[in-house]
Amino acid sequence: MSWQRPDRKLDLRGVPCPMNYVRTKLVLEEMEEGQVLEVWLSAGEPIKNVPRSAGQDGHEVLKVLAMGEDAYRLFLRRR
């Protein structure tokens, strides 16, 4: 599956750290290996910390897209 057609989507704009990664991790745990999760995140700590934490947990960061000055789309592949 391509990152352009994610299996699940999660909007965490406005959710503070570390809760944004906790929620991301819970959704990833429900998914099957190889599936793609799209996560919307706020600028600042969330977009810095969530991709790093996901990578440390063994998931693949496929793409990060800026959506203006204060929002990002992150695509993760479940491992």
N, C-alpha and C. Protein backbone atom coordinates (compact mmCIF):
# COMPACT_ATOMS: atom_id res chain seq x y z
N MET A 1 0.85 -1.18 0.00
CA MET A 1 0.00 0.00 0.00
C MET A 1 0.88 1.23 0.00
N SER A 2 0.54 2.17 -0.81
CA SER A 2 1.26 3.43 -0.92
C SER A 2 0.93 4.35 0.25
N TRP A 3 1.87 5.22 0.59
CA TRP A 3 1.60 6.20 1.64
C TRP A 3 0.50 7.16 1.23
N GLN A 4 0.23 7.27 -0.07
CA GLN A 4 -0.79 8.20 -0.56
C GLN A 4 -2.20 7.70 -0.31
N ARG A 5 -2.35 6.43 0.04
CA ARG A 5 -3.66 5.85 0.35
C ARG A 5 -3.56 5.12 1.69
N PRO A 6 -3.55 5.89 2.78
CA PRO A 6 -3.37 5.27 4.10
C PRO A 6 -4.55 4.37 4.49
N ASP A 7 -4.25 3.39 5.33
CA ASP A 7 -5.27 2.48 5.84
C ASP A 7 -6.09 3.13 6.95
N ARG A 8 -5.45 3.99 7.72
CA ARG A 8 -6.13 4.69 8.83
C ARG A 8 -5.64 6.12 8.87
N LYS A 9 -6.48 7.00 9.45
CA LYS A 9 -6.13 8.41 9.61
C LYS A 9 -6.40 8.81 11.06
N LEU A 10 -5.56 9.74 11.55
CA LEU A 10 -5.66 10.19 12.93
C LEU A 10 -5.33 11.67 12.97
N ASP A 11 -6.25 12.49 13.48
CA ASP A 11 -6.03 13.94 13.57
C ASP A 11 -5.70 14.31 15.01
N LEU A 12 -4.44 14.68 15.24
CA LEU A 12 -3.97 15.02 16.58
C LEU A 12 -3.52 16.47 16.68
N ARG A 13 -4.00 17.31 15.79
CA ARG A 13 -3.66 18.73 15.87
C ARG A 13 -4.19 19.28 17.19
N GLY A 14 -3.32 19.99 17.90
CA GLY A 14 -3.69 20.57 19.17
C GLY A 14 -3.49 19.65 20.37
N VAL A 15 -3.12 18.39 20.13
CA VAL A 15 -2.87 17.45 21.22
C VAL A 15 -1.43 17.60 21.67
N PRO A 16 -1.18 17.84 22.96
CA PRO A 16 0.18 18.05 23.45
C PRO A 16 0.99 16.76 23.57
N CYS A 17 2.30 16.92 23.61
CA CYS A 17 3.21 15.81 23.89
C CYS A 17 3.09 15.46 25.36
N PRO A 18 3.20 14.22 25.76
CA PRO A 18 3.46 13.04 24.94
C PRO A 18 2.18 12.33 24.49
N MET A 19 1.01 12.92 24.76
CA MET A 19 -0.24 12.25 24.43
C MET A 19 -0.40 11.98 22.93
N ASN A 20 0.18 12.84 22.08
CA ASN A 20 0.03 12.60 20.65
C ASN A 20 0.72 11.30 20.23
N TYR A 21 1.87 10.98 20.81
CA TYR A 21 2.49 9.72 20.44
C TYR A 21 1.80 8.54 21.12
N VAL A 22 1.30 8.74 22.32
CA VAL A 22 0.57 7.66 23.00
C VAL A 22 -0.63 7.25 22.13
N ARG A 23 -1.36 8.22 21.63
CA ARG A 23 -2.52 7.92 20.78
C ARG A 23 -2.10 7.30 19.46
N THR A 24 -1.01 7.80 18.88
CA THR A 24 -0.49 7.23 17.64
C THR A 24 -0.10 5.77 17.85
N LYS A 25 0.60 5.50 18.93
CA LYS A 25 1.05 4.15 19.23
C LYS A 25 -0.12 3.18 19.42
N LEU A 26 -1.18 3.65 20.09
CA LEU A 26 -2.35 2.80 20.30
C LEU A 26 -3.00 2.41 18.98
N VAL A 27 -3.10 3.35 18.06
CA VAL A 27 -3.68 3.05 16.74
C VAL A 27 -2.76 2.11 15.97
N LEU A 28 -1.46 2.36 15.99
CA LEU A 28 -0.52 1.48 15.29
C LEU A 28 -0.62 0.05 15.81
N GLU A 29 -0.82 -0.11 17.11
CA GLU A 29 -0.92 -1.46 17.69
C GLU A 29 -2.15 -2.20 17.20
N GLU A 30 -3.19 -1.48 16.79
CA GLU A 30 -4.42 -2.10 16.27
C GLU A 30 -4.28 -2.50 14.81
N MET A 31 -3.27 -1.95 14.14
CA MET A 31 -3.11 -2.17 12.70
C MET A 31 -2.26 -3.40 12.42
N GLU A 32 -2.37 -3.90 11.19
CA GLU A 32 -1.56 -5.04 10.78
C GLU A 32 -0.22 -4.55 10.24
N GLU A 33 0.78 -5.41 10.31
CA GLU A 33 2.10 -5.08 9.78
C GLU A 33 1.98 -4.69 8.31
N GLY A 34 2.67 -3.59 7.95
CA GLY A 34 2.67 -3.13 6.57
C GLY A 34 1.60 -2.09 6.27
N GLN A 35 0.61 -1.95 7.14
CA GLN A 35 -0.41 -0.95 6.91
C GLN A 35 0.13 0.45 7.18
N VAL A 36 -0.51 1.46 6.57
CA VAL A 36 -0.05 2.84 6.66
C VAL A 36 -1.04 3.68 7.46
N LEU A 37 -0.48 4.47 8.37
CA LEU A 37 -1.26 5.40 9.19
C LEU A 37 -0.88 6.83 8.82
N GLU A 38 -1.88 7.66 8.56
CA GLU A 38 -1.68 9.09 8.33
C GLU A 38 -2.04 9.82 9.61
N VAL A 39 -1.12 10.62 10.12
CA VAL A 39 -1.34 11.37 11.36
C VAL A 39 -1.18 12.86 11.07
N TRP A 40 -2.17 13.64 11.47
CA TRP A 40 -2.08 15.10 11.39
C TRP A 40 -1.55 15.58 12.73
N LEU A 41 -0.49 16.40 12.68
CA LEU A 41 0.15 16.89 13.89
C LEU A 41 0.35 18.40 13.83
N SER A 42 0.45 19.01 14.99
CA SER A 42 0.77 20.43 15.08
C SER A 42 2.27 20.63 14.93
N ALA A 43 2.64 21.86 14.60
CA ALA A 43 4.06 22.22 14.52
C ALA A 43 4.67 22.19 15.91
N GLY A 44 6.00 22.24 15.96
CA GLY A 44 6.71 22.27 17.24
C GLY A 44 7.05 20.87 17.72
N GLU A 45 6.90 20.64 19.01
CA GLU A 45 7.27 19.36 19.61
C GLU A 45 6.58 18.15 18.98
N PRO A 46 5.28 18.24 18.68
CA PRO A 46 4.64 17.04 18.11
C PRO A 46 5.31 16.54 16.83
N ILE A 47 5.59 17.42 15.88
CA ILE A 47 6.17 16.95 14.63
C ILE A 47 7.64 16.56 14.78
N LYS A 48 8.28 17.03 15.83
CA LYS A 48 9.65 16.60 16.11
C LYS A 48 9.67 15.25 16.81
N ASN A 49 8.78 15.07 17.78
CA ASN A 49 8.84 13.90 18.66
C ASN A 49 8.14 12.66 18.12
N VAL A 50 6.99 12.82 17.47
CA VAL A 50 6.23 11.64 17.04
C VAL A 50 7.00 10.82 15.98
N PRO A 51 7.54 11.44 14.93
CA PRO A 51 8.30 10.63 13.96
C PRO A 51 9.51 9.93 14.61
N ARG A 52 10.19 10.64 15.50
CA ARG A 52 11.36 10.05 16.17
C ARG A 52 10.94 8.86 17.03
N SER A 53 9.89 9.03 17.81
CA SER A 53 9.43 7.94 18.67
C SER A 53 8.93 6.75 17.87
N ALA A 54 8.23 7.01 16.78
CA ALA A 54 7.74 5.92 15.93
C ALA A 54 8.91 5.15 15.34
N GLY A 55 9.93 5.85 14.89
CA GLY A 55 11.12 5.21 14.35
C GLY A 55 11.84 4.37 15.40
N GLN A 56 11.92 4.89 16.62
CA GLN A 56 12.56 4.15 17.71
C GLN A 56 11.79 2.88 18.05
N ASP A 57 10.47 2.90 17.82
CA ASP A 57 9.64 1.72 18.07
C ASP A 57 9.65 0.75 16.89
N GLY A 58 10.41 1.09 15.83
CA GLY A 58 10.56 0.18 14.71
C GLY A 58 9.64 0.44 13.53
N HIS A 59 8.81 1.46 13.60
CA HIS A 59 7.91 1.78 12.49
C HIS A 59 8.66 2.62 11.46
N GLU A 60 8.20 2.58 10.22
CA GLU A 60 8.86 3.30 9.15
C GLU A 60 8.18 4.65 8.90
N VAL A 61 8.95 5.72 8.95
CA VAL A 61 8.45 7.05 8.61
C VAL A 61 8.55 7.17 7.09
N LEU A 62 7.39 7.22 6.44
CA LEU A 62 7.36 7.24 4.98
C LEU A 62 7.45 8.65 4.41
N LYS A 63 6.76 9.58 5.03
CA LYS A 63 6.70 10.94 4.46
C LYS A 63 6.19 11.90 5.52
N VAL A 64 6.71 13.14 5.50
CA VAL A 64 6.21 14.24 6.32
C VAL A 64 5.91 15.39 5.37
N LEU A 65 4.67 15.85 5.39
CA LEU A 65 4.26 16.95 4.51
C LEU A 65 3.80 18.13 5.35
N ALA A 66 4.35 19.31 5.08
CA ALA A 66 3.90 20.54 5.74
C ALA A 66 2.59 20.98 5.12
N MET A 67 1.62 21.30 5.96
CA MET A 67 0.31 21.76 5.50
C MET A 67 0.09 23.17 6.05
N GLY A 68 0.88 24.11 5.56
CA GLY A 68 0.85 25.45 6.10
C GLY A 68 1.90 25.59 7.18
N GLU A 69 1.78 26.62 8.00
CA GLU A 69 2.79 26.90 9.02
C GLU A 69 2.62 26.12 10.31
N ASP A 70 1.41 25.62 10.57
CA ASP A 70 1.18 25.03 11.88
C ASP A 70 0.64 23.61 11.88
N ALA A 71 0.64 22.94 10.72
CA ALA A 71 0.15 21.57 10.68
C ALA A 71 0.99 20.73 9.72
N TYR A 72 1.08 19.45 10.04
CA TYR A 72 1.85 18.49 9.25
C TYR A 72 1.06 17.20 9.09
N ARG A 73 1.31 16.52 7.98
CA ARG A 73 0.79 15.18 7.76
C ARG A 73 1.99 14.23 7.81
N LEU A 74 1.88 13.23 8.66
CA LEU A 74 2.92 12.23 8.85
C LEU A 74 2.38 10.88 8.41
N PHE A 75 3.15 10.17 7.62
CA PHE A 75 2.74 8.84 7.15
C PHE A 75 3.69 7.81 7.74
N LEU A 76 3.13 6.83 8.43
CA LEU A 76 3.90 5.79 9.10
C LEU A 76 3.47 4.42 8.61
N ARG A 77 4.45 3.52 8.40
CA ARG A 77 4.14 2.14 8.07
C ARG A 77 4.35 1.29 9.32
N ARG A 78 3.34 0.52 9.67
CA ARG A 78 3.39 -0.34 10.85
C ARG A 78 4.36 -1.48 10.61
N ARG A 79 5.24 -1.72 11.57
CA ARG A 79 6.20 -2.83 11.51
C ARG A 79 5.90 -3.81 12.60
